[in-house]
N, C-alpha and C. Protein backbone atom coordinates (compact mmCIF):
# COMPACT_ATOMS: atom_id res chain seq x y z
N MET A 1 6.65 3.37 -14.95
CA MET A 1 5.71 2.32 -14.62
C MET A 1 4.46 2.60 -14.82
N ASP A 2 3.66 1.95 -15.38
CA ASP A 2 2.16 2.21 -15.83
C ASP A 2 1.33 1.50 -14.78
N LEU A 3 1.02 2.12 -13.73
CA LEU A 3 0.10 1.88 -12.65
C LEU A 3 -1.32 1.83 -12.92
N SER A 4 -1.66 2.20 -14.20
CA SER A 4 -3.07 2.10 -14.64
C SER A 4 -3.42 0.52 -14.89
N LYS A 5 -2.35 -0.35 -14.96
CA LYS A 5 -2.70 -1.70 -15.11
C LYS A 5 -2.57 -2.61 -14.08
N ASN A 6 -3.62 -3.42 -13.72
CA ASN A 6 -3.69 -4.48 -12.47
C ASN A 6 -2.69 -5.55 -12.78
N THR A 7 -1.44 -5.35 -12.40
CA THR A 7 -0.58 -6.55 -12.37
C THR A 7 0.03 -6.84 -11.09
N PRO A 8 0.32 -7.88 -10.74
CA PRO A 8 1.13 -8.21 -9.49
C PRO A 8 2.40 -7.42 -9.35
N GLU A 9 3.00 -7.15 -10.59
CA GLU A 9 4.02 -6.14 -10.21
C GLU A 9 3.89 -4.91 -9.82
N ASN A 10 2.93 -4.37 -10.22
CA ASN A 10 2.44 -3.21 -9.81
C ASN A 10 1.87 -2.94 -8.38
N ILE A 11 1.08 -4.02 -8.05
CA ILE A 11 0.78 -4.13 -6.60
C ILE A 11 2.16 -4.14 -5.87
N GLU A 12 3.01 -5.02 -6.01
CA GLU A 12 4.20 -4.94 -5.31
C GLU A 12 4.88 -3.73 -5.09
N PHE A 13 4.99 -2.99 -6.55
CA PHE A 13 5.55 -1.69 -6.34
C PHE A 13 5.02 -0.77 -5.66
N MET A 14 3.59 -0.51 -5.36
CA MET A 14 2.82 0.24 -4.60
C MET A 14 2.90 -0.04 -3.12
N VAL A 15 2.76 -1.30 -2.89
CA VAL A 15 2.97 -1.69 -1.42
C VAL A 15 4.45 -1.24 -0.98
N ASN A 16 5.45 -1.76 -1.58
CA ASN A 16 6.78 -1.27 -1.47
C ASN A 16 7.00 0.49 -0.91
N ALA A 17 6.48 1.03 -2.10
CA ALA A 17 6.63 2.46 -2.03
C ALA A 17 5.64 3.08 -0.90
N ILE A 18 4.67 2.61 -0.58
CA ILE A 18 3.94 3.11 0.58
C ILE A 18 4.57 2.79 1.88
N SER A 19 5.05 1.52 1.94
CA SER A 19 6.17 1.12 3.09
C SER A 19 7.12 2.08 3.31
N GLU A 20 7.84 2.27 2.26
CA GLU A 20 9.12 3.05 2.26
C GLU A 20 8.76 4.84 2.74
N LYS A 21 7.77 5.11 1.94
CA LYS A 21 7.24 6.65 2.34
C LYS A 21 6.84 6.59 3.76
N LEU A 22 6.21 5.74 4.62
CA LEU A 22 5.92 5.89 5.85
C LEU A 22 7.01 5.31 6.68
N ARG A 23 7.89 4.91 6.15
CA ARG A 23 9.12 4.28 6.81
C ARG A 23 8.67 3.34 8.01
N MET A 24 7.97 2.47 7.30
CA MET A 24 7.40 1.36 8.23
C MET A 24 8.51 0.37 8.91
N LEU A 25 8.73 0.05 9.99
CA LEU A 25 9.90 -0.74 10.27
C LEU A 25 9.71 -2.08 10.02
N ASN A 26 8.56 -2.68 9.78
CA ASN A 26 8.51 -4.24 9.55
C ASN A 26 8.02 -4.11 7.92
N ILE A 27 8.78 -3.74 7.08
CA ILE A 27 8.62 -3.69 5.66
C ILE A 27 8.33 -5.08 5.13
N GLY A 28 9.06 -6.00 5.79
CA GLY A 28 9.08 -7.55 5.28
C GLY A 28 7.61 -8.06 5.63
N ALA A 29 6.94 -7.64 6.62
CA ALA A 29 5.56 -8.17 6.98
C ALA A 29 4.46 -7.89 5.89
N ILE A 30 4.54 -7.01 5.08
CA ILE A 30 3.80 -6.31 4.18
C ILE A 30 4.42 -6.67 2.67
N LYS A 31 3.88 -7.81 2.07
CA LYS A 31 4.32 -7.96 0.54
C LYS A 31 3.24 -7.83 -0.44
N GLY A 32 3.61 -7.42 -1.48
CA GLY A 32 2.64 -7.31 -2.52
C GLY A 32 1.53 -8.54 -2.74
N SER A 33 2.43 -9.83 -2.51
CA SER A 33 1.77 -10.84 -2.68
C SER A 33 0.58 -11.10 -1.79
N ALA A 34 0.51 -10.36 -0.81
CA ALA A 34 -0.55 -10.56 0.25
C ALA A 34 -1.79 -9.84 0.01
N PHE A 35 -1.72 -9.18 -1.44
CA PHE A 35 -2.99 -8.28 -1.81
C PHE A 35 -3.59 -9.17 -2.91
N ASP A 36 -4.87 -9.07 -3.26
CA ASP A 36 -5.52 -9.60 -4.25
C ASP A 36 -5.67 -8.52 -5.34
N GLU A 37 -5.74 -8.89 -6.57
CA GLU A 37 -5.97 -8.00 -7.73
C GLU A 37 -7.36 -7.33 -7.59
N GLU A 38 -8.11 -7.92 -6.86
CA GLU A 38 -9.47 -7.38 -6.86
C GLU A 38 -9.51 -6.07 -5.92
N THR A 39 -8.47 -5.87 -5.10
CA THR A 39 -8.17 -4.88 -4.25
C THR A 39 -7.49 -3.65 -5.00
N TYR A 40 -7.20 -3.85 -6.18
CA TYR A 40 -6.29 -3.02 -6.72
C TYR A 40 -6.61 -1.55 -6.68
N GLU A 41 -8.20 -1.30 -6.94
CA GLU A 41 -8.29 0.08 -7.25
C GLU A 41 -8.19 0.81 -5.68
N ASP A 42 -8.70 0.06 -4.73
CA ASP A 42 -8.33 0.51 -3.48
C ASP A 42 -6.94 0.87 -2.99
N LEU A 43 -6.10 -0.06 -3.40
CA LEU A 43 -4.65 0.16 -3.15
C LEU A 43 -4.09 1.11 -3.65
N LYS A 44 -4.58 1.36 -5.23
CA LYS A 44 -4.05 2.62 -6.01
C LYS A 44 -4.45 3.90 -5.49
N TYR A 45 -5.50 3.85 -4.92
CA TYR A 45 -6.17 5.22 -4.30
C TYR A 45 -5.35 5.43 -3.20
N LEU A 46 -5.00 4.57 -2.12
CA LEU A 46 -4.17 4.62 -1.23
C LEU A 46 -2.81 4.97 -1.55
N TYR A 47 -2.26 4.43 -2.24
CA TYR A 47 -0.92 4.80 -2.77
C TYR A 47 -0.78 6.28 -3.50
N ASP A 48 -1.89 6.68 -4.23
CA ASP A 48 -1.89 8.07 -4.71
C ASP A 48 -1.90 9.15 -3.58
N MET A 49 -2.80 8.91 -2.43
CA MET A 49 -2.99 9.67 -1.44
C MET A 49 -1.72 9.71 -0.55
N VAL A 50 -0.96 8.56 -0.39
CA VAL A 50 0.19 8.62 0.30
C VAL A 50 1.28 9.32 -0.29
N MET A 51 1.30 9.18 -1.57
CA MET A 51 2.46 9.77 -2.57
C MET A 51 2.32 11.32 -2.37
N LYS A 52 0.95 11.74 -2.49
CA LYS A 52 0.95 13.31 -2.49
C LYS A 52 1.51 14.25 -1.23
N LYS A 53 1.36 13.19 -0.02
CA LYS A 53 1.72 14.13 1.16
C LYS A 53 3.19 13.95 1.53
N ASP A 54 3.64 15.02 2.16
CA ASP A 54 5.07 14.77 2.53
C ASP A 54 5.37 14.23 3.89
N SER A 55 4.38 14.58 4.82
CA SER A 55 4.51 14.00 6.11
C SER A 55 3.08 13.44 6.63
N PHE A 56 3.21 12.59 7.69
CA PHE A 56 2.04 11.87 8.22
C PHE A 56 2.03 12.08 9.78
N SER A 57 0.99 12.41 10.34
CA SER A 57 0.80 12.28 11.63
C SER A 57 0.80 10.76 12.35
N PRO A 58 1.08 10.54 13.56
CA PRO A 58 0.94 9.09 13.97
C PRO A 58 -0.44 8.81 13.54
N SER A 59 -1.34 9.31 13.89
CA SER A 59 -2.77 8.82 13.77
C SER A 59 -3.06 8.43 12.23
N GLU A 60 -2.43 9.12 11.29
CA GLU A 60 -2.62 9.12 10.01
C GLU A 60 -1.80 7.76 9.57
N MET A 61 -0.54 7.55 10.22
CA MET A 61 -0.01 6.51 9.74
C MET A 61 -0.56 5.10 10.32
N GLN A 62 -1.10 5.35 11.38
CA GLN A 62 -1.98 4.05 12.03
C GLN A 62 -3.04 3.72 10.90
N ALA A 63 -3.93 4.70 10.68
CA ALA A 63 -4.80 4.62 9.72
C ALA A 63 -4.65 4.05 8.31
N ILE A 64 -3.47 4.35 7.94
CA ILE A 64 -2.95 3.86 6.56
C ILE A 64 -2.62 2.42 6.90
N ALA A 65 -1.91 2.14 7.91
CA ALA A 65 -1.45 0.67 8.19
C ALA A 65 -2.85 -0.12 8.40
N GLU A 66 -3.68 0.30 8.79
CA GLU A 66 -4.99 -0.43 9.07
C GLU A 66 -5.85 -0.61 7.81
N GLU A 67 -5.61 0.37 6.92
CA GLU A 67 -6.18 0.23 5.58
C GLU A 67 -5.37 -0.84 4.83
N LEU A 68 -4.32 -0.78 4.77
CA LEU A 68 -3.56 -1.89 4.17
C LEU A 68 -3.87 -3.31 4.75
N GLY A 69 -4.01 -3.22 6.09
CA GLY A 69 -4.23 -4.49 6.67
C GLY A 69 -5.92 -4.98 6.16
N SER A 70 -6.68 -4.07 6.07
CA SER A 70 -7.92 -4.34 5.68
C SER A 70 -7.96 -4.99 4.23
N LEU A 71 -7.02 -4.59 3.38
CA LEU A 71 -7.15 -4.84 2.00
C LEU A 71 -6.38 -6.18 1.72
N ARG A 72 -5.57 -6.76 2.69
CA ARG A 72 -5.16 -8.05 2.50
C ARG A 72 -5.80 -9.07 2.41
N LYS A 73 -5.33 -10.18 1.75
CA LYS A 73 -6.04 -11.46 1.52
C LYS A 73 -6.21 -11.84 2.83
N ARG A 74 -7.46 -12.44 2.75
CA ARG A 74 -8.13 -13.32 3.81
C ARG A 74 -7.59 -14.71 3.55
N VAL A 75 -6.86 -15.18 4.74
CA VAL A 75 -6.61 -16.80 4.39
C VAL A 75 -7.33 -17.39 5.38
């Protein structure tokens, strides 16, 4: 998958990968469609950071979840 392209499919892929890597219990609450293409670069940066690490402390997981929340579309 070419994540250098800002597409809805890539956003969906990255959000799902982050959720799976962190073993988030409520994966259904975080959907790729909840993110604007304007936040793609920030989401990609977060994705790259998460994929590089093998494990996360509880505070790191909370910070990542908060960052995902801040990147979501404002409705």
